[in-house]
Amino acid sequence: MIPKNPVMLLSFINLKLRDTYGDLDRLCEDLNVNRLEIEQKLEQINYRYDRTQNQFI
């Protein structure tokens, strides 16, 4: 289960991307979560996925 709060979600996702996953698609597939929903939730707090850095910035 992933956090519902956008700030907690940001921390959780960036930690997983840094420590475990090579990209957002792999994370979403492995955790069985919807990429679009994550991106929309984090856009609410002005964060967008940067593929080159493999994190939300």
PDB file of N, CA and C in Angstrom:
ATOM      1  N   MET A   1       0.849  -1.188   0.000  1.00  0.00           N
ATOM      2  CA  MET A   1       0.000   0.000   0.000  1.00  0.00           C
ATOM      3  C   MET A   1       0.886   1.241   0.000  1.00  0.00           C
ATOM      4  N   ILE A   2       0.515   2.190  -0.836  1.00  0.00           N
ATOM      5  CA  ILE A   2       1.298   3.417  -0.924  1.00  0.00           C
ATOM      6  C   ILE A   2       0.579   4.535  -0.169  1.00  0.00           C
ATOM      7  N   PRO A   3       1.332   5.531   0.304  1.00  0.00           N
ATOM      8  CA  PRO A   3       0.723   6.638   1.053  1.00  0.00           C
ATOM      9  C   PRO A   3      -0.284   7.423   0.212  1.00  0.00           C
ATOM     10  N   LYS A   4      -1.300   7.924   0.850  1.00  0.00           N
ATOM     11  CA  LYS A   4      -2.323   8.739   0.180  1.00  0.00           C
ATOM     12  C   LYS A   4      -1.945  10.224   0.202  1.00  0.00           C
ATOM     13  N   ASN A   5      -1.291  10.653   1.274  1.00  0.00           N
ATOM     14  CA  ASN A   5      -0.866  12.032   1.403  1.00  0.00           C
ATOM     15  C   ASN A   5       0.211  12.327   0.358  1.00  0.00           C
ATOM     16  N   PRO A   6       0.058  13.393  -0.448  1.00  0.00           N
ATOM     17  CA  PRO A   6       1.010  13.662  -1.522  1.00  0.00           C
ATOM     18  C   PRO A   6       2.458  13.844  -1.052  1.00  0.00           C
ATOM     19  N   VAL A   7       2.675  14.487   0.069  1.00  0.00           N
ATOM     20  CA  VAL A   7       4.040  14.699   0.564  1.00  0.00           C
ATOM     21  C   VAL A   7       4.657  13.376   0.993  1.00  0.00           C
ATOM     22  N   MET A   8       3.887  12.553   1.668  1.00  0.00           N
ATOM     23  CA  MET A   8       4.377  11.232   2.074  1.00  0.00           C
ATOM     24  C   MET A   8       4.594  10.348   0.843  1.00  0.00           C
ATOM     25  N   LEU A   9       3.710  10.468  -0.134  1.00  0.00           N
ATOM     26  CA  LEU A   9       3.844   9.716  -1.378  1.00  0.00           C
ATOM     27  C   LEU A   9       5.128  10.105  -2.097  1.00  0.00           C
ATOM     28  N   LEU A  10       5.415  11.392  -2.161  1.00  0.00           N
ATOM     29  CA  LEU A  10       6.646  11.874  -2.789  1.00  0.00           C
ATOM     30  C   LEU A  10       7.866  11.232  -2.143  1.00  0.00           C
ATOM     31  N   SER A  11       7.928  11.263  -0.844  1.00  0.00           N
ATOM     32  CA  SER A  11       9.057  10.680  -0.127  1.00  0.00           C
ATOM     33  C   SER A  11       9.161   9.180  -0.395  1.00  0.00           C
ATOM     34  N   PHE A  12       8.046   8.491  -0.322  1.00  0.00           N
ATOM     35  CA  PHE A  12       8.005   7.045  -0.537  1.00  0.00           C
ATOM     36  C   PHE A  12       8.469   6.684  -1.951  1.00  0.00           C
ATOM     37  N   ILE A  13       7.914   7.361  -2.949  1.00  0.00           N
ATOM     38  CA  ILE A  13       8.233   7.046  -4.351  1.00  0.00           C
ATOM     39  C   ILE A  13       9.696   7.361  -4.652  1.00  0.00           C
ATOM     40  N   ASN A  14      10.177   8.527  -4.234  1.00  0.00           N
ATOM     41  CA  ASN A  14      11.565   8.872  -4.523  1.00  0.00           C
ATOM     42  C   ASN A  14      12.536   7.933  -3.812  1.00  0.00           C
ATOM     43  N   LEU A  15      12.210   7.496  -2.626  1.00  0.00           N
ATOM     44  CA  LEU A  15      13.043   6.519  -1.916  1.00  0.00           C
ATOM     45  C   LEU A  15      13.099   5.209  -2.694  1.00  0.00           C
ATOM     46  N   LYS A  16      11.954   4.721  -3.128  1.00  0.00           N
ATOM     47  CA  LYS A  16      11.901   3.476  -3.903  1.00  0.00           C
ATOM     48  C   LYS A  16      12.641   3.614  -5.230  1.00  0.00           C
ATOM     49  N   LEU A  17      12.485   4.759  -5.888  1.00  0.00           N
ATOM     50  CA  LEU A  17      13.188   4.974  -7.153  1.00  0.00           C
ATOM     51  C   LEU A  17      14.698   5.006  -6.931  1.00  0.00           C
ATOM     52  N   ARG A  18      15.124   5.638  -5.874  1.00  0.00           N
ATOM     53  CA  ARG A  18      16.550   5.734  -5.595  1.00  0.00           C
ATOM     54  C   ARG A  18      17.155   4.388  -5.216  1.00  0.00           C
ATOM     55  N   ASP A  19      16.460   3.643  -4.370  1.00  0.00           N
ATOM     56  CA  ASP A  19      17.042   2.436  -3.787  1.00  0.00           C
ATOM     57  C   ASP A  19      16.739   1.145  -4.536  1.00  0.00           C
ATOM     58  N   THR A  20      15.634   1.110  -5.302  1.00  0.00           N
ATOM     59  CA  THR A  20      15.194  -0.179  -5.818  1.00  0.00           C
ATOM     60  C   THR A  20      14.901  -0.211  -7.311  1.00  0.00           C
ATOM     61  N   TYR A  21      14.326   0.830  -7.855  1.00  0.00           N
ATOM     62  CA  TYR A  21      13.801   0.767  -9.215  1.00  0.00           C
ATOM     63  C   TYR A  21      14.556   1.679 -10.182  1.00  0.00           C
ATOM     64  N   GLY A  22      14.791   1.178 -11.378  1.00  0.00           N
ATOM     65  CA  GLY A  22      15.494   1.927 -12.410  1.00  0.00           C
ATOM     66  C   GLY A  22      14.648   2.971 -13.105  1.00  0.00           C
ATOM     67  N   ASP A  23      13.319   2.836 -12.985  1.00  0.00           N
ATOM     68  CA  ASP A  23      12.429   3.842 -13.558  1.00  0.00           C
ATOM     69  C   ASP A  23      11.030   3.705 -12.969  1.00  0.00           C
ATOM     70  N   LEU A  24      10.226   4.709 -13.231  1.00  0.00           N
ATOM     71  CA  LEU A  24       8.879   4.777 -12.660  1.00  0.00           C
ATOM     72  C   LEU A  24       7.983   3.648 -13.166  1.00  0.00           C
ATOM     73  N   ASP A  25       8.140   3.267 -14.418  1.00  0.00           N
ATOM     74  CA  ASP A  25       7.311   2.188 -14.958  1.00  0.00           C
ATOM     75  C   ASP A  25       7.544   0.871 -14.209  1.00  0.00           C
ATOM     76  N   ARG A  26       8.788   0.556 -13.928  1.00  0.00           N
ATOM     77  CA  ARG A  26       9.095  -0.679 -13.187  1.00  0.00           C
ATOM     78  C   ARG A  26       8.513  -0.639 -11.779  1.00  0.00           C
ATOM     79  N   LEU A  27       8.632   0.514 -11.126  1.00  0.00           N
ATOM     80  CA  LEU A  27       8.065   0.666  -9.790  1.00  0.00           C
ATOM     81  C   LEU A  27       6.559   0.417  -9.833  1.00  0.00           C
ATOM     82  N   CYS A  28       5.872   1.064 -10.755  1.00  0.00           N
ATOM     83  CA  CYS A  28       4.412   0.935 -10.846  1.00  0.00           C
ATOM     84  C   CYS A  28       3.998  -0.496 -11.145  1.00  0.00           C
ATOM     85  N   GLU A  29       4.716  -1.136 -12.038  1.00  0.00           N
ATOM     86  CA  GLU A  29       4.391  -2.522 -12.379  1.00  0.00           C
ATOM     87  C   GLU A  29       4.591  -3.442 -11.177  1.00  0.00           C
ATOM     88  N   ASP A  30       5.705  -3.286 -10.510  1.00  0.00           N
ATOM     89  CA  ASP A  30       6.021  -4.157  -9.376  1.00  0.00           C
ATOM     90  C   ASP A  30       5.077  -3.938  -8.195  1.00  0.00           C
ATOM     91  N   LEU A  31       4.725  -2.677  -7.936  1.00  0.00           N
ATOM     92  CA  LEU A  31       3.837  -2.365  -6.806  1.00  0.00           C
ATOM     93  C   LEU A  31       2.360  -2.402  -7.194  1.00  0.00           C
ATOM     94  N   ASN A  32       2.104  -2.662  -8.486  1.00  0.00           N
ATOM     95  CA  ASN A  32       0.737  -2.728  -8.989  1.00  0.00           C
ATOM     96  C   ASN A  32      -0.047  -1.441  -8.692  1.00  0.00           C
ATOM     97  N   VAL A  33       0.573  -0.316  -9.077  1.00  0.00           N
ATOM     98  CA  VAL A  33      -0.073   0.988  -8.910  1.00  0.00           C
ATOM     99  C   VAL A  33      -0.162   1.673 -10.268  1.00  0.00           C
ATOM    100  N   ASN A  34      -1.074   2.603 -10.383  1.00  0.00           N
ATOM    101  CA  ASN A  34      -1.315   3.319 -11.630  1.00  0.00           C
ATOM    102  C   ASN A  34      -0.384   4.521 -11.730  1.00  0.00           C
ATOM    103  N   ARG A  35       0.458   4.517 -12.758  1.00  0.00           N
ATOM    104  CA  ARG A  35       1.429   5.603 -12.935  1.00  0.00           C
ATOM    105  C   ARG A  35       0.744   6.958 -13.054  1.00  0.00           C
ATOM    106  N   LEU A  36      -0.314   7.029 -13.842  1.00  0.00           N
ATOM    107  CA  LEU A  36      -1.011   8.296 -14.043  1.00  0.00           C
ATOM    108  C   LEU A  36      -1.543   8.860 -12.721  1.00  0.00           C
ATOM    109  N   GLU A  37      -2.091   8.010 -11.878  1.00  0.00           N
ATOM    110  CA  GLU A  37      -2.604   8.469 -10.584  1.00  0.00           C
ATOM    111  C   GLU A  37      -1.488   9.034  -9.720  1.00  0.00           C
ATOM    112  N   ILE A  38      -0.330   8.374  -9.721  1.00  0.00           N
ATOM    113  CA  ILE A  38       0.812   8.877  -8.945  1.00  0.00           C
ATOM    114  C   ILE A  38       1.252  10.230  -9.494  1.00  0.00           C
ATOM    115  N   GLU A  39       1.390  10.312 -10.808  1.00  0.00           N
ATOM    116  CA  GLU A  39       1.836  11.569 -11.411  1.00  0.00           C
ATOM    117  C   GLU A  39       0.846  12.705 -11.139  1.00  0.00           C
ATOM    118  N   GLN A  40      -0.437  12.429 -11.230  1.00  0.00           N
ATOM    119  CA  GLN A  40      -1.442  13.462 -10.967  1.00  0.00           C
ATOM    120  C   GLN A  40      -1.418  13.905  -9.510  1.00  0.00           C
ATOM    121  N   LYS A  41      -1.278  12.964  -8.611  1.00  0.00           N
ATOM    122  CA  LYS A  41      -1.254  13.298  -7.184  1.00  0.00           C
ATOM    123  C   LYS A  41      -0.036  14.168  -6.861  1.00  0.00           C
ATOM    124  N   LEU A  42       1.112  13.834  -7.447  1.00  0.00           N
ATOM    125  CA  LEU A  42       2.317  14.603  -7.160  1.00  0.00           C
ATOM    126  C   LEU A  42       2.350  15.930  -7.901  1.00  0.00           C
ATOM    127  N   GLU A  43       1.647  16.032  -9.008  1.00  0.00           N
ATOM    128  CA  GLU A  43       1.521  17.319  -9.690  1.00  0.00           C
ATOM    129  C   GLU A  43       0.738  18.312  -8.827  1.00  0.00           C
ATOM    130  N   GLN A  44      -0.118  17.822  -7.951  1.00  0.00           N
ATOM    131  CA  GLN A  44      -0.872  18.683  -7.037  1.00  0.00           C
ATOM    132  C   GLN A  44       0.059  19.477  -6.126  1.00  0.00           C
ATOM    133  N   ILE A  45       1.243  18.921  -5.855  1.00  0.00           N
ATOM    134  CA  ILE A  45       2.215  19.630  -5.023  1.00  0.00           C
ATOM    135  C   ILE A  45       3.423  20.078  -5.865  1.00  0.00           C
ATOM    136  N   ASN A  46       3.181  20.188  -7.169  1.00  0.00           N
ATOM    137  CA  ASN A  46       4.155  20.738  -8.125  1.00  0.00           C
ATOM    138  C   ASN A  46       5.418  19.894  -8.300  1.00  0.00           C
ATOM    139  N   TYR A  47       5.262  18.589  -8.301  1.00  0.00           N
ATOM    140  CA  TYR A  47       6.373  17.690  -8.585  1.00  0.00           C
ATOM    141  C   TYR A  47       6.052  16.895  -9.838  1.00  0.00           C
ATOM    142  N   ARG A  48       7.080  16.740 -10.684  1.00  0.00           N
ATOM    143  CA  ARG A  48       6.933  15.970 -11.917  1.00  0.00           C
ATOM    144  C   ARG A  48       8.098  14.995 -12.032  1.00  0.00           C
ATOM    145  N   TYR A  49       7.829  13.878 -12.650  1.00  0.00           N
ATOM    146  CA  TYR A  49       8.860  12.848 -12.808  1.00  0.00           C
ATOM    147  C   TYR A  49       9.889  13.294 -13.826  1.00  0.00           C
ATOM    148  N   ASP A  50      11.149  13.194 -13.446  1.00  0.00           N
ATOM    149  CA  ASP A  50      12.271  13.471 -14.338  1.00  0.00           C
ATOM    150  C   ASP A  50      12.958  12.147 -14.632  1.00  0.00           C
ATOM    151  N   ARG A  51      12.830  11.680 -15.854  1.00  0.00           N
ATOM    152  CA  ARG A  51      13.378  10.383 -16.245  1.00  0.00           C
ATOM    153  C   ARG A  51      14.903  10.340 -16.102  1.00  0.00           C
ATOM    154  N   THR A  52      15.575  11.430 -16.448  1.00  0.00           N
ATOM    155  CA  THR A  52      17.045  11.423 -16.390  1.00  0.00           C
ATOM    156  C   THR A  52      17.568  11.318 -14.966  1.00  0.00           C
ATOM    157  N   GLN A  53      16.856  11.916 -14.014  1.00  0.00           N
ATOM    158  CA  GLN A  53      17.263  11.834 -12.617  1.00  0.00           C
ATOM    159  C   GLN A  53      16.565  10.679 -11.879  1.00  0.00           C
ATOM    160  N   ASN A  54      15.565  10.094 -12.539  1.00  0.00           N
ATOM    161  CA  ASN A  54      14.763   9.026 -11.967  1.00  0.00           C
ATOM    162  C   ASN A  54      14.198   9.410 -10.600  1.00  0.00           C
ATOM    163  N   GLN A  55      13.590  10.574 -10.560  1.00  0.00           N
ATOM    164  CA  GLN A  55      12.936  11.015  -9.341  1.00  0.00           C
ATOM    165  C   GLN A  55      11.932  12.107  -9.677  1.00  0.00           C
ATOM    166  N   PHE A  56      11.065  12.388  -8.728  1.00  0.00           N
ATOM    167  CA  PHE A  56      10.142  13.509  -8.861  1.00  0.00           C
ATOM    168  C   PHE A  56      10.847  14.741  -8.330  1.00  0.00           C
ATOM    169  N   ILE A  57      10.842  15.788  -9.162  1.00  0.00           N
ATOM    170  CA  ILE A  57      11.496  17.032  -8.758  1.00  0.00           C
ATOM    171  C   ILE A  57      10.556  18.206  -8.939  1.00  0.00           C
TER     172      ILE A  57
END
